[in-house]
Amino acid sequence: MRVAAVLLVFAVLVVGAVVGYRWTQDQYFVASHEGNVTIYRGVMADIPGISLQNVDEVTEITMDTLPEFRRQQVQARIEASSRADAERIVAELEESVPEPSPSPSPSEDKASS
């Protein structure tokens, strides 16, 4: 009887762990990875020996091009309700990047001299 109870408890723990891990892999957030805005899959936590997050997509948006407030948000990590929500957040971040000012052409430099 004790063996059956121990096996039942063990089975419940294993099933709970598997269901919990699968749930974490349905979560997304936006953060920085190697200087770029990145979509992560998973949750912002780790269990010793098990990573609960992985890089899903590294975007072309570099952290240094973001306005300061948006950079701070990404550094703090932005939670998303789904992959589509993470993509929407990235699109908003991309829209917040200021357009680069055109550099003067060589003929304009000579005209101002």
PDB file of N, CA and C in Angstrom:
ATOM      1  N   MET A   1       0.823  -1.193   0.000  1.00  0.00           N
ATOM      2  CA  MET A   1       0.000   0.000   0.000  1.00  0.00           C
ATOM      3  C   MET A   1       0.874   1.268   0.000  1.00  0.00           C
ATOM      4  N   ARG A   2       1.952   1.267   0.803  1.00  0.00           N
ATOM      5  CA  ARG A   2       2.847   2.432   0.855  1.00  0.00           C
ATOM      6  C   ARG A   2       3.538   2.653  -0.484  1.00  0.00           C
ATOM      7  N   VAL A   3       3.937   1.573  -1.115  1.00  0.00           N
ATOM      8  CA  VAL A   3       4.605   1.690  -2.421  1.00  0.00           C
ATOM      9  C   VAL A   3       3.664   2.338  -3.422  1.00  0.00           C
ATOM     10  N   ALA A   4       2.415   1.933  -3.427  1.00  0.00           N
ATOM     11  CA  ALA A   4       1.425   2.508  -4.341  1.00  0.00           C
ATOM     12  C   ALA A   4       1.233   4.000  -4.056  1.00  0.00           C
ATOM     13  N   ALA A   5       1.189   4.388  -2.789  1.00  0.00           N
ATOM     14  CA  ALA A   5       1.030   5.795  -2.417  1.00  0.00           C
ATOM     15  C   ALA A   5       2.237   6.610  -2.867  1.00  0.00           C
ATOM     16  N   VAL A   6       3.435   6.074  -2.665  1.00  0.00           N
ATOM     17  CA  VAL A   6       4.657   6.767  -3.085  1.00  0.00           C
ATOM     18  C   VAL A   6       4.675   6.921  -4.607  1.00  0.00           C
ATOM     19  N   LEU A   7       4.320   5.865  -5.310  1.00  0.00           N
ATOM     20  CA  LEU A   7       4.276   5.931  -6.777  1.00  0.00           C
ATOM     21  C   LEU A   7       3.235   6.939  -7.259  1.00  0.00           C
ATOM     22  N   LEU A   8       2.103   7.005  -6.606  1.00  0.00           N
ATOM     23  CA  LEU A   8       1.064   7.960  -6.967  1.00  0.00           C
ATOM     24  C   LEU A   8       1.547   9.391  -6.761  1.00  0.00           C
ATOM     25  N   VAL A   9       2.162   9.655  -5.621  1.00  0.00           N
ATOM     26  CA  VAL A   9       2.703  10.994  -5.352  1.00  0.00           C
ATOM     27  C   VAL A   9       3.769  11.350  -6.387  1.00  0.00           C
ATOM     28  N   PHE A  10       4.652  10.406  -6.684  1.00  0.00           N
ATOM     29  CA  PHE A  10       5.698  10.642  -7.670  1.00  0.00           C
ATOM     30  C   PHE A  10       5.081  10.938  -9.039  1.00  0.00           C
ATOM     31  N   ALA A  11       4.075  10.170  -9.438  1.00  0.00           N
ATOM     32  CA  ALA A  11       3.414  10.377 -10.730  1.00  0.00           C
ATOM     33  C   ALA A  11       2.755  11.755 -10.793  1.00  0.00           C
ATOM     34  N   VAL A  12       2.112  12.173  -9.709  1.00  0.00           N
ATOM     35  CA  VAL A  12       1.475  13.490  -9.666  1.00  0.00           C
ATOM     36  C   VAL A  12       2.525  14.591  -9.799  1.00  0.00           C
ATOM     37  N   LEU A  13       3.653  14.435  -9.119  1.00  0.00           N
ATOM     38  CA  LEU A  13       4.734  15.427  -9.219  1.00  0.00           C
ATOM     39  C   LEU A  13       5.298  15.508 -10.630  1.00  0.00           C
ATOM     40  N   VAL A  14       5.522  14.368 -11.265  1.00  0.00           N
ATOM     41  CA  VAL A  14       6.060  14.349 -12.630  1.00  0.00           C
ATOM     42  C   VAL A  14       5.076  14.999 -13.598  1.00  0.00           C
ATOM     43  N   VAL A  15       3.808  14.629 -13.512  1.00  0.00           N
ATOM     44  CA  VAL A  15       2.791  15.222 -14.394  1.00  0.00           C
ATOM     45  C   VAL A  15       2.709  16.733 -14.158  1.00  0.00           C
ATOM     46  N   GLY A  16       2.722  17.146 -12.914  1.00  0.00           N
ATOM     47  CA  GLY A  16       2.695  18.570 -12.595  1.00  0.00           C
ATOM     48  C   GLY A  16       3.887  19.311 -13.167  1.00  0.00           C
ATOM     49  N   ALA A  17       5.062  18.714 -13.082  1.00  0.00           N
ATOM     50  CA  ALA A  17       6.275  19.340 -13.626  1.00  0.00           C
ATOM     51  C   ALA A  17       6.192  19.462 -15.144  1.00  0.00           C
ATOM     52  N   VAL A  18       5.722  18.432 -15.810  1.00  0.00           N
ATOM     53  CA  VAL A  18       5.609  18.464 -17.274  1.00  0.00           C
ATOM     54  C   VAL A  18       4.590  19.518 -17.703  1.00  0.00           C
ATOM     55  N   VAL A  19       3.427  19.528 -17.057  1.00  0.00           N
ATOM     56  CA  VAL A  19       2.396  20.520 -17.395  1.00  0.00           C
ATOM     57  C   VAL A  19       2.921  21.932 -17.118  1.00  0.00           C
ATOM     58  N   GLY A  20       3.579  22.121 -16.001  1.00  0.00           N
ATOM     59  CA  GLY A  20       4.144  23.430 -15.669  1.00  0.00           C
ATOM     60  C   GLY A  20       5.179  23.884 -16.682  1.00  0.00           C
ATOM     61  N   TYR A  21       6.063  22.996 -17.090  1.00  0.00           N
ATOM     62  CA  TYR A  21       7.088  23.358 -18.075  1.00  0.00           C
ATOM     63  C   TYR A  21       6.439  23.719 -19.405  1.00  0.00           C
ATOM     64  N   ARG A  22       5.474  22.937 -19.826  1.00  0.00           N
ATOM     65  CA  ARG A  22       4.789  23.249 -21.097  1.00  0.00           C
ATOM     66  C   ARG A  22       4.108  24.603 -21.021  1.00  0.00           C
ATOM     67  N   TRP A  23       3.517  24.929 -19.881  1.00  0.00           N
ATOM     68  CA  TRP A  23       2.887  26.239 -19.723  1.00  0.00           C
ATOM     69  C   TRP A  23       3.931  27.347 -19.878  1.00  0.00           C
ATOM     70  N   THR A  24       5.107  27.171 -19.279  1.00  0.00           N
ATOM     71  CA  THR A  24       6.139  28.208 -19.381  1.00  0.00           C
ATOM     72  C   THR A  24       6.538  28.435 -20.832  1.00  0.00           C
ATOM     73  N   GLN A  25       6.480  27.401 -21.659  1.00  0.00           N
ATOM     74  CA  GLN A  25       6.901  27.528 -23.045  1.00  0.00           C
ATOM     75  C   GLN A  25       5.824  28.147 -23.936  1.00  0.00           C
ATOM     76  N   ASP A  26       4.669  28.465 -23.365  1.00  0.00           N
ATOM     77  CA  ASP A  26       3.629  29.206 -24.078  1.00  0.00           C
ATOM     78  C   ASP A  26       3.655  30.686 -23.714  1.00  0.00           C
ATOM     79  N   GLN A  27       4.641  31.097 -22.925  1.00  0.00           N
ATOM     80  CA  GLN A  27       4.769  32.482 -22.476  1.00  0.00           C
ATOM     81  C   GLN A  27       5.865  33.174 -23.293  1.00  0.00           C
ATOM     82  N   TYR A  28       5.739  34.495 -23.446  1.00  0.00           N
ATOM     83  CA  TYR A  28       6.724  35.266 -24.210  1.00  0.00           C
ATOM     84  C   TYR A  28       7.043  36.562 -23.477  1.00  0.00           C
ATOM     85  N   PHE A  29       8.225  37.092 -23.731  1.00  0.00           N
ATOM     86  CA  PHE A  29       8.588  38.425 -23.267  1.00  0.00           C
ATOM     87  C   PHE A  29       9.641  39.005 -24.195  1.00  0.00           C
ATOM     88  N   VAL A  30       9.794  40.318 -24.129  1.00  0.00           N
ATOM     89  CA  VAL A  30      10.748  41.037 -24.973  1.00  0.00           C
ATOM     90  C   VAL A  30      11.830  41.590 -24.054  1.00  0.00           C
ATOM     91  N   ALA A  31      13.082  41.340 -24.412  1.00  0.00           N
ATOM     92  CA  ALA A  31      14.220  41.801 -23.612  1.00  0.00           C
ATOM     93  C   ALA A  31      15.402  42.011 -24.549  1.00  0.00           C
ATOM     94  N   SER A  32      16.552  42.256 -23.977  1.00  0.00           N
ATOM     95  CA  SER A  32      17.768  42.472 -24.756  1.00  0.00           C
ATOM     96  C   SER A  32      18.618  41.208 -24.784  1.00  0.00           C
ATOM     97  N   HIS A  33      19.241  40.967 -25.929  1.00  0.00           N
ATOM     98  CA  HIS A  33      20.186  39.849 -26.070  1.00  0.00           C
ATOM     99  C   HIS A  33      21.314  40.322 -26.969  1.00  0.00           C
ATOM    100  N   GLU A  34      22.504  40.385 -26.408  1.00  0.00           N
ATOM    101  CA  GLU A  34      23.697  40.808 -27.138  1.00  0.00           C
ATOM    102  C   GLU A  34      23.488  42.138 -27.869  1.00  0.00           C
ATOM    103  N   GLY A  35      22.806  43.072 -27.193  1.00  0.00           N
ATOM    104  CA  GLY A  35      22.645  44.421 -27.730  1.00  0.00           C
ATOM    105  C   GLY A  35      21.474  44.610 -28.680  1.00  0.00           C
ATOM    106  N   ASN A  36      20.681  43.577 -28.902  1.00  0.00           N
ATOM    107  CA  ASN A  36      19.523  43.699 -29.787  1.00  0.00           C
ATOM    108  C   ASN A  36      18.240  43.389 -29.027  1.00  0.00           C
ATOM    109  N   VAL A  37      17.145  44.008 -29.462  1.00  0.00           N
ATOM    110  CA  VAL A  37      15.826  43.680 -28.923  1.00  0.00           C
ATOM    111  C   VAL A  37      15.518  42.251 -29.358  1.00  0.00           C
ATOM    112  N   THR A  38      15.041  41.440 -28.420  1.00  0.00           N
ATOM    113  CA  THR A  38      14.863  40.010 -28.666  1.00  0.00           C
ATOM    114  C   THR A  38      13.546  39.525 -28.091  1.00  0.00           C
ATOM    115  N   ILE A  39      12.897  38.624 -28.829  1.00  0.00           N
ATOM    116  CA  ILE A  39      11.702  37.952 -28.323  1.00  0.00           C
ATOM    117  C   ILE A  39      12.164  36.647 -27.691  1.00  0.00           C
ATOM    118  N   TYR A  40      11.774  36.463 -26.438  1.00  0.00           N
ATOM    119  CA  TYR A  40      12.083  35.238 -25.700  1.00  0.00           C
ATOM    120  C   TYR A  40      10.824  34.405 -25.539  1.00  0.00           C
ATOM    121  N   ARG A  41      11.012  33.108 -25.540  1.00  0.00           N
ATOM    122  CA  ARG A  41       9.932  32.180 -25.229  1.00  0.00           C
ATOM    123  C   ARG A  41      10.229  31.595 -23.856  1.00  0.00           C
ATOM    124  N   GLY A  42       9.230  31.589 -22.983  1.00  0.00           N
ATOM    125  CA  GLY A  42       9.418  31.066 -21.637  1.00  0.00           C
ATOM    126  C   GLY A  42       9.092  32.122 -20.610  1.00  0.00           C
ATOM    127  N   VAL A  43       9.544  31.904 -19.403  1.00  0.00           N
ATOM    128  CA  VAL A  43       9.302  32.845 -18.316  1.00  0.00           C
ATOM    129  C   VAL A  43      10.627  33.373 -17.797  1.00  0.00           C
ATOM    130  N   MET A  44      10.541  34.512 -17.127  1.00  0.00           N
ATOM    131  CA  MET A  44      11.732  35.186 -16.629  1.00  0.00           C
ATOM    132  C   MET A  44      12.196  34.588 -15.305  1.00  0.00           C
ATOM    133  N   ALA A  45      12.424  33.295 -15.287  1.00  0.00           N
ATOM    134  CA  ALA A  45      12.885  32.609 -14.078  1.00  0.00           C
ATOM    135  C   ALA A  45      13.619  31.346 -14.498  1.00  0.00           C
ATOM    136  N   ASP A  46      14.433  30.858 -13.633  1.00  0.00           N
ATOM    137  CA  ASP A  46      15.139  29.606 -13.885  1.00  0.00           C
ATOM    138  C   ASP A  46      15.103  28.745 -12.633  1.00  0.00           C
ATOM    139  N   ILE A  47      15.071  27.465 -12.866  1.00  0.00           N
ATOM    140  CA  ILE A  47      15.213  26.488 -11.800  1.00  0.00           C
ATOM    141  C   ILE A  47      16.621  25.934 -11.957  1.00  0.00           C
ATOM    142  N   PRO A  48      17.390  25.766 -10.885  1.00  0.00           N
ATOM    143  CA  PRO A  48      18.751  25.256 -11.045  1.00  0.00           C
ATOM    144  C   PRO A  48      18.786  24.020 -11.954  1.00  0.00           C
ATOM    145  N   GLY A  49      19.557  24.140 -13.013  1.00  0.00           N
ATOM    146  CA  GLY A  49      19.704  23.034 -13.955  1.00  0.00           C
ATOM    147  C   GLY A  49      18.700  23.035 -15.093  1.00  0.00           C
ATOM    148  N   ILE A  50      17.663  23.881 -15.010  1.00  0.00           N
ATOM    149  CA  ILE A  50      16.638  23.923 -16.055  1.00  0.00           C
ATOM    150  C   ILE A  50      16.389  25.380 -16.431  1.00  0.00           C
ATOM    151  N   SER A  51      16.624  25.706 -17.693  1.00  0.00           N
ATOM    152  CA  SER A  51      16.326  27.052 -18.169  1.00  0.00           C
ATOM    153  C   SER A  51      14.871  27.102 -18.601  1.00  0.00           C
ATOM    154  N   LEU A  52      14.151  28.090 -18.131  1.00  0.00           N
ATOM    155  CA  LEU A  52      12.744  28.229 -18.477  1.00  0.00           C
ATOM    156  C   LEU A  52      12.522  29.292 -19.548  1.00  0.00           C
ATOM    157  N   GLN A  53      13.599  29.730 -20.196  1.00  0.00           N
ATOM    158  CA  GLN A  53      13.502  30.723 -21.262  1.00  0.00           C
ATOM    159  C   GLN A  53      14.522  30.420 -22.335  1.00  0.00           C
ATOM    160  N   ASN A  54      14.182  30.782 -23.560  1.00  0.00           N
ATOM    161  CA  ASN A  54      15.148  30.677 -24.650  1.00  0.00           C
ATOM    162  C   ASN A  54      14.849  31.750 -25.685  1.00  0.00           C
ATOM    163  N   VAL A  55      15.861  32.088 -26.458  1.00  0.00           N
ATOM    164  CA  VAL A  55      15.711  33.102 -27.490  1.00  0.00           C
ATOM    165  C   VAL A  55      14.826  32.532 -28.592  1.00  0.00           C
ATOM    166  N   ASP A  56      13.773  33.282 -28.930  1.00  0.00           N
ATOM    167  CA  ASP A  56      12.881  32.873 -30.008  1.00  0.00           C
ATOM    168  C   ASP A  56      13.231  33.617 -31.287  1.00  0.00           C
ATOM    169  N   GLU A  57      13.540  34.920 -31.167  1.00  0.00           N
ATOM    170  CA  GLU A  57      13.910  35.712 -32.341  1.00  0.00           C
ATOM    171  C   GLU A  57      14.717  36.927 -31.918  1.00  0.00           C
ATOM    172  N   VAL A  58      15.859  37.130 -32.542  1.00  0.00           N
ATOM    173  CA  VAL A  58      16.656  38.331 -32.330  1.00  0.00           C
ATOM    174  C   VAL A  58      16.303  39.296 -33.452  1.00  0.00           C
ATOM    175  N   THR A  59      15.873  40.503 -33.101  1.00  0.00           N
ATOM    176  CA  THR A  59      15.466  41.475 -34.113  1.00  0.00           C
ATOM    177  C   THR A  59      16.671  42.292 -34.588  1.00  0.00           C
ATOM    178  N   GLU A  60      16.430  43.129 -35.569  1.00  0.00           N
ATOM    179  CA  GLU A  60      17.468  44.022 -36.093  1.00  0.00           C
ATOM    180  C   GLU A  60      17.575  45.316 -35.278  1.00  0.00           C
ATOM    181  N   ILE A  61      16.686  45.488 -34.311  1.00  0.00           N
ATOM    182  CA  ILE A  61      16.670  46.729 -33.522  1.00  0.00           C
ATOM    183  C   ILE A  61      17.763  46.663 -32.464  1.00  0.00           C
ATOM    184  N   THR A  62      18.700  47.593 -32.521  1.00  0.00           N
ATOM    185  CA  THR A  62      19.761  47.624 -31.520  1.00  0.00           C
ATOM    186  C   THR A  62      19.323  48.491 -30.346  1.00  0.00           C
ATOM    187  N   MET A  63      19.777  48.105 -29.176  1.00  0.00           N
ATOM    188  CA  MET A  63      19.396  48.811 -27.956  1.00  0.00           C
ATOM    189  C   MET A  63      19.815  50.275 -27.994  1.00  0.00           C
ATOM    190  N   ASP A  64      20.970  50.571 -28.587  1.00  0.00           N
ATOM    191  CA  ASP A  64      21.461  51.952 -28.575  1.00  0.00           C
ATOM    192  C   ASP A  64      20.674  52.877 -29.494  1.00  0.00           C
ATOM    193  N   THR A  65      19.799  52.335 -30.361  1.00  0.00           N
ATOM    194  CA  THR A  65      18.974  53.198 -31.210  1.00  0.00           C
ATOM    195  C   THR A  65      17.649  53.560 -30.552  1.00  0.00           C
ATOM    196  N   LEU A  66      17.292  52.879 -29.464  1.00  0.00           N
ATOM    197  CA  LEU A  66      16.025  53.148 -28.790  1.00  0.00           C
ATOM    198  C   LEU A  66      16.108  54.413 -27.943  1.00  0.00           C
ATOM    199  N   PRO A  67      14.997  55.152 -27.851  1.00  0.00           N
ATOM    200  CA  PRO A  67      14.968  56.259 -26.889  1.00  0.00           C
ATOM    201  C   PRO A  67      15.200  55.713 -25.482  1.00  0.00           C
ATOM    202  N   GLU A  68      15.726  56.528 -24.601  1.00  0.00           N
ATOM    203  CA  GLU A  68      16.123  56.083 -23.257  1.00  0.00           C
ATOM    204  C   GLU A  68      14.999  55.356 -22.516  1.00  0.00           C
ATOM    205  N   PHE A  69      13.790  55.906 -22.530  1.00  0.00           N
ATOM    206  CA  PHE A  69      12.680  55.296 -21.809  1.00  0.00           C
ATOM    207  C   PHE A  69      12.390  53.893 -22.344  1.00  0.00           C
ATOM    208  N   ARG A  70      12.353  53.737 -23.664  1.00  0.00           N
ATOM    209  CA  ARG A  70      12.087  52.438 -24.271  1.00  0.00           C
ATOM    210  C   ARG A  70      13.225  51.461 -23.983  1.00  0.00           C
ATOM    211  N   ARG A  71      14.466  51.955 -23.976  1.00  0.00           N
ATOM    212  CA  ARG A  71      15.615  51.104 -23.660  1.00  0.00           C
ATOM    213  C   ARG A  71      15.490  50.555 -22.240  1.00  0.00           C
ATOM    214  N   GLN A  72      15.083  51.409 -21.309  1.00  0.00           N
ATOM    215  CA  GLN A  72      14.904  50.969 -19.927  1.00  0.00           C
ATOM    216  C   GLN A  72      13.800  49.917 -19.818  1.00  0.00           C
ATOM    217  N   GLN A  73      12.724  50.096 -20.583  1.00  0.00           N
ATOM    218  CA  GLN A  73      11.640  49.103 -20.574  1.00  0.00           C
ATOM    219  C   GLN A  73      12.148  47.745 -21.039  1.00  0.00           C
ATOM    220  N   VAL A  74      12.897  47.732 -22.131  1.00  0.00           N
ATOM    221  CA  VAL A  74      13.407  46.463 -22.670  1.00  0.00           C
ATOM    222  C   VAL A  74      14.397  45.836 -21.693  1.00  0.00           C
ATOM    223  N   GLN A  75      15.256  46.657 -21.079  1.00  0.00           N
ATOM    224  CA  GLN A  75      16.210  46.128 -20.117  1.00  0.00           C
ATOM    225  C   GLN A  75      15.498  45.497 -18.926  1.00  0.00           C
ATOM    226  N   ALA A  76      14.344  46.044 -18.551  1.00  0.00           N
ATOM    227  CA  ALA A  76      13.566  45.493 -17.437  1.00  0.00           C
ATOM    228  C   ALA A  76      12.712  44.307 -17.890  1.00  0.00           C
ATOM    229  N   ARG A  77      12.637  44.056 -19.159  1.00  0.00           N
ATOM    230  CA  ARG A  77      11.847  42.994 -19.799  1.00  0.00           C
ATOM    231  C   ARG A  77      10.371  43.372 -19.871  1.00  0.00           C
ATOM    232  N   ILE A  78       9.792  43.199 -21.029  1.00  0.00           N
ATOM    233  CA  ILE A  78       8.390  43.514 -21.272  1.00  0.00           C
ATOM    234  C   ILE A  78       7.640  42.207 -21.474  1.00  0.00           C
ATOM    235  N   GLU A  79       6.694  41.920 -20.604  1.00  0.00           N
ATOM    236  CA  GLU A  79       5.910  40.693 -20.728  1.00  0.00           C
ATOM    237  C   GLU A  79       4.943  40.816 -21.890  1.00  0.00           C
ATOM    238  N   ALA A  80       4.724  39.703 -22.594  1.00  0.00           N
ATOM    239  CA  ALA A  80       3.766  39.644 -23.701  1.00  0.00           C
ATOM    240  C   ALA A  80       2.781  38.517 -23.411  1.00  0.00           C
ATOM    241  N   SER A  81       1.551  38.688 -23.863  1.00  0.00           N
ATOM    242  CA  SER A  81       0.529  37.672 -23.600  1.00  0.00           C
ATOM    243  C   SER A  81       0.586  36.524 -24.606  1.00  0.00           C
ATOM    244  N   SER A  82       1.310  36.736 -25.725  1.00  0.00           N
ATOM    245  CA  SER A  82       1.415  35.710 -26.769  1.00  0.00           C
ATOM    246  C   SER A  82       2.560  36.075 -27.700  1.00  0.00           C
ATOM    247  N   ARG A  83       2.841  35.202 -28.654  1.00  0.00           N
ATOM    248  CA  ARG A  83       3.877  35.502 -29.660  1.00  0.00           C
ATOM    249  C   ARG A  83       3.459  36.711 -30.478  1.00  0.00           C
ATOM    250  N   ALA A  84       2.170  36.768 -30.847  1.00  0.00           N
ATOM    251  CA  ALA A  84       1.660  37.905 -31.625  1.00  0.00           C
ATOM    252  C   ALA A  84       1.794  39.203 -30.825  1.00  0.00           C
ATOM    253  N   ASP A  85       1.548  39.160 -29.522  1.00  0.00           N
ATOM    254  CA  ASP A  85       1.695  40.339 -28.674  1.00  0.00           C
ATOM    255  C   ASP A  85       3.163  40.757 -28.608  1.00  0.00           C
ATOM    256  N   ALA A  86       4.067  39.799 -28.529  1.00  0.00           N
ATOM    257  CA  ALA A  86       5.503  40.116 -28.530  1.00  0.00           C
ATOM    258  C   ALA A  86       5.887  40.790 -29.845  1.00  0.00           C
ATOM    259  N   GLU A  87       5.356  40.315 -30.959  1.00  0.00           N
ATOM    260  CA  GLU A  87       5.633  40.935 -32.258  1.00  0.00           C
ATOM    261  C   GLU A  87       5.082  42.360 -32.312  1.00  0.00           C
ATOM    262  N   ARG A  88       3.907  42.578 -31.711  1.00  0.00           N
ATOM    263  CA  ARG A  88       3.320  43.919 -31.657  1.00  0.00           C
ATOM    264  C   ARG A  88       4.218  44.857 -30.844  1.00  0.00           C
ATOM    265  N   ILE A  89       4.730  44.368 -29.720  1.00  0.00           N
ATOM    266  CA  ILE A  89       5.635  45.166 -28.882  1.00  0.00           C
ATOM    267  C   ILE A  89       6.879  45.538 -29.669  1.00  0.00           C
ATOM    268  N   VAL A  90       7.437  44.579 -30.400  1.00  0.00           N
ATOM    269  CA  VAL A  90       8.633  44.852 -31.205  1.00  0.00           C
ATOM    270  C   VAL A  90       8.320  45.900 -32.276  1.00  0.00           C
ATOM    271  N   ALA A  91       7.151  45.801 -32.909  1.00  0.00           N
ATOM    272  CA  ALA A  91       6.767  46.792 -33.926  1.00  0.00           C
ATOM    273  C   ALA A  91       6.672  48.187 -33.312  1.00  0.00           C
ATOM    274  N   GLU A  92       6.112  48.288 -32.104  1.00  0.00           N
ATOM    275  CA  GLU A  92       6.029  49.579 -31.414  1.00  0.00           C
ATOM    276  C   GLU A  92       7.422  50.112 -31.085  1.00  0.00           C
ATOM    277  N   LEU A  93       8.304  49.212 -30.656  1.00  0.00           N
ATOM    278  CA  LEU A  93       9.673  49.636 -30.365  1.00  0.00           C
ATOM    279  C   LEU A  93      10.349  50.145 -31.629  1.00  0.00           C
ATOM    280  N   GLU A  94      10.132  49.445 -32.740  1.00  0.00           N
ATOM    281  CA  GLU A  94      10.742  49.850 -34.010  1.00  0.00           C
ATOM    282  C   GLU A  94      10.239  51.223 -34.433  1.00  0.00           C
ATOM    283  N   GLU A  95       8.951  51.494 -34.202  1.00  0.00           N
ATOM    284  CA  GLU A  95       8.393  52.808 -34.538  1.00  0.00           C
ATOM    285  C   GLU A  95       8.975  53.912 -33.667  1.00  0.00           C
ATOM    286  N   SER A  96       9.428  53.568 -32.470  1.00  0.00           N
ATOM    287  CA  SER A  96       9.965  54.588 -31.565  1.00  0.00           C
ATOM    288  C   SER A  96      11.414  54.962 -31.887  1.00  0.00           C
ATOM    289  N   VAL A  97      12.055  54.192 -32.770  1.00  0.00           N
ATOM    290  CA  VAL A  97      13.443  54.491 -33.141  1.00  0.00           C
ATOM    291  C   VAL A  97      13.439  55.738 -34.025  1.00  0.00           C
ATOM    292  N   PRO A  98      14.153  56.786 -33.629  1.00  0.00           N
ATOM    293  CA  PRO A  98      14.177  58.003 -34.443  1.00  0.00           C
ATOM    294  C   PRO A  98      14.866  57.747 -35.787  1.00  0.00           C
ATOM    295  N   GLU A  99      14.348  58.421 -36.802  1.00  0.00           N
ATOM    296  CA  GLU A  99      14.974  58.324 -38.119  1.00  0.00           C
ATOM    297  C   GLU A  99      16.359  58.963 -38.048  1.00  0.00           C
ATOM    298  N   PRO A 100      17.353  58.320 -38.664  1.00  0.00           N
ATOM    299  CA  PRO A 100      18.689  58.935 -38.651  1.00  0.00           C
ATOM    300  C   PRO A 100      18.679  60.214 -39.470  1.00  0.00           C
ATOM    301  N   SER A 101      19.366  61.225 -38.960  1.00  0.00           N
ATOM    302  CA  SER A 101      19.450  62.469 -39.721  1.00  0.00           C
ATOM    303  C   SER A 101      20.446  62.266 -40.847  1.00  0.00           C
ATOM    304  N   PRO A 102      20.094  62.751 -42.026  1.00  0.00           N
ATOM    305  CA  PRO A 102      20.990  62.540 -43.169  1.00  0.00           C
ATOM    306  C   PRO A 102      22.306  63.281 -42.961  1.00  0.00           C
ATOM    307  N   SER A 103      23.385  62.637 -43.328  1.00  0.00           N
ATOM    308  CA  SER A 103      24.678  63.309 -43.226  1.00  0.00           C
ATOM    309  C   SER A 103      24.841  64.197 -44.450  1.00  0.00           C
ATOM    310  N   PRO A 104      25.498  65.331 -44.274  1.00  0.00           N
ATOM    311  CA  PRO A 104      25.660  66.253 -45.397  1.00  0.00           C
ATOM    312  C   PRO A 104      26.467  65.599 -46.513  1.00  0.00           C
ATOM    313  N   SER A 105      26.064  65.905 -47.739  1.00  0.00           N
ATOM    314  CA  SER A 105      26.796  65.361 -48.875  1.00  0.00           C
ATOM    315  C   SER A 105      28.085  66.165 -49.048  1.00  0.00           C
ATOM    316  N   PRO A 106      29.077  65.602 -49.736  1.00  0.00           N
ATOM    317  CA  PRO A 106      30.352  66.323 -49.913  1.00  0.00           C
ATOM    318  C   PRO A 106      30.158  67.683 -50.586  1.00  0.00           C
ATOM    319  N   SER A 107      29.212  67.835 -51.479  1.00  0.00           N
ATOM    320  CA  SER A 107      29.006  69.116 -52.132  1.00  0.00           C
ATOM    321  C   SER A 107      28.444  70.134 -51.147  1.00  0.00           C
ATOM    322  N   GLU A 108      27.626  69.715 -50.180  1.00  0.00           N
ATOM    323  CA  GLU A 108      27.109  70.621 -49.166  1.00  0.00           C
ATOM    324  C   GLU A 108      28.220  71.076 -48.228  1.00  0.00           C
ATOM    325  N   ASP A 109      29.185  70.189 -47.930  1.00  0.00           N
ATOM    326  CA  ASP A 109      30.311  70.565 -47.065  1.00  0.00           C
ATOM    327  C   ASP A 109      31.142  71.655 -47.726  1.00  0.00           C
ATOM    328  N   LYS A 110      31.387  71.543 -49.026  1.00  0.00           N
ATOM    329  CA  LYS A 110      32.209  72.524 -49.739  1.00  0.00           C
ATOM    330  C   LYS A 110      31.484  73.851 -49.849  1.00  0.00           C
ATOM    331  N   ALA A 111      30.142  73.805 -50.000  1.00  0.00           N
ATOM    332  CA  ALA A 111      29.363  75.033 -50.146  1.00  0.00           C
ATOM    333  C   ALA A 111      29.353  75.816 -48.851  1.00  0.00           C
ATOM    334  N   SER A 112      29.411  75.156 -47.721  1.00  0.00           N
ATOM    335  CA  SER A 112      29.364  75.870 -46.441  1.00  0.00           C
ATOM    336  C   SER A 112      30.742  76.384 -46.029  1.00  0.00           C
ATOM    337  N   SER A 113      31.801  75.993 -46.725  1.00  0.00           N
ATOM    338  CA  SER A 113      33.162  76.426 -46.363  1.00  0.00           C
ATOM    339  C   SER A 113      33.486  77.783 -46.871  1.00  0.00           C
TER     340      SER A 113
END
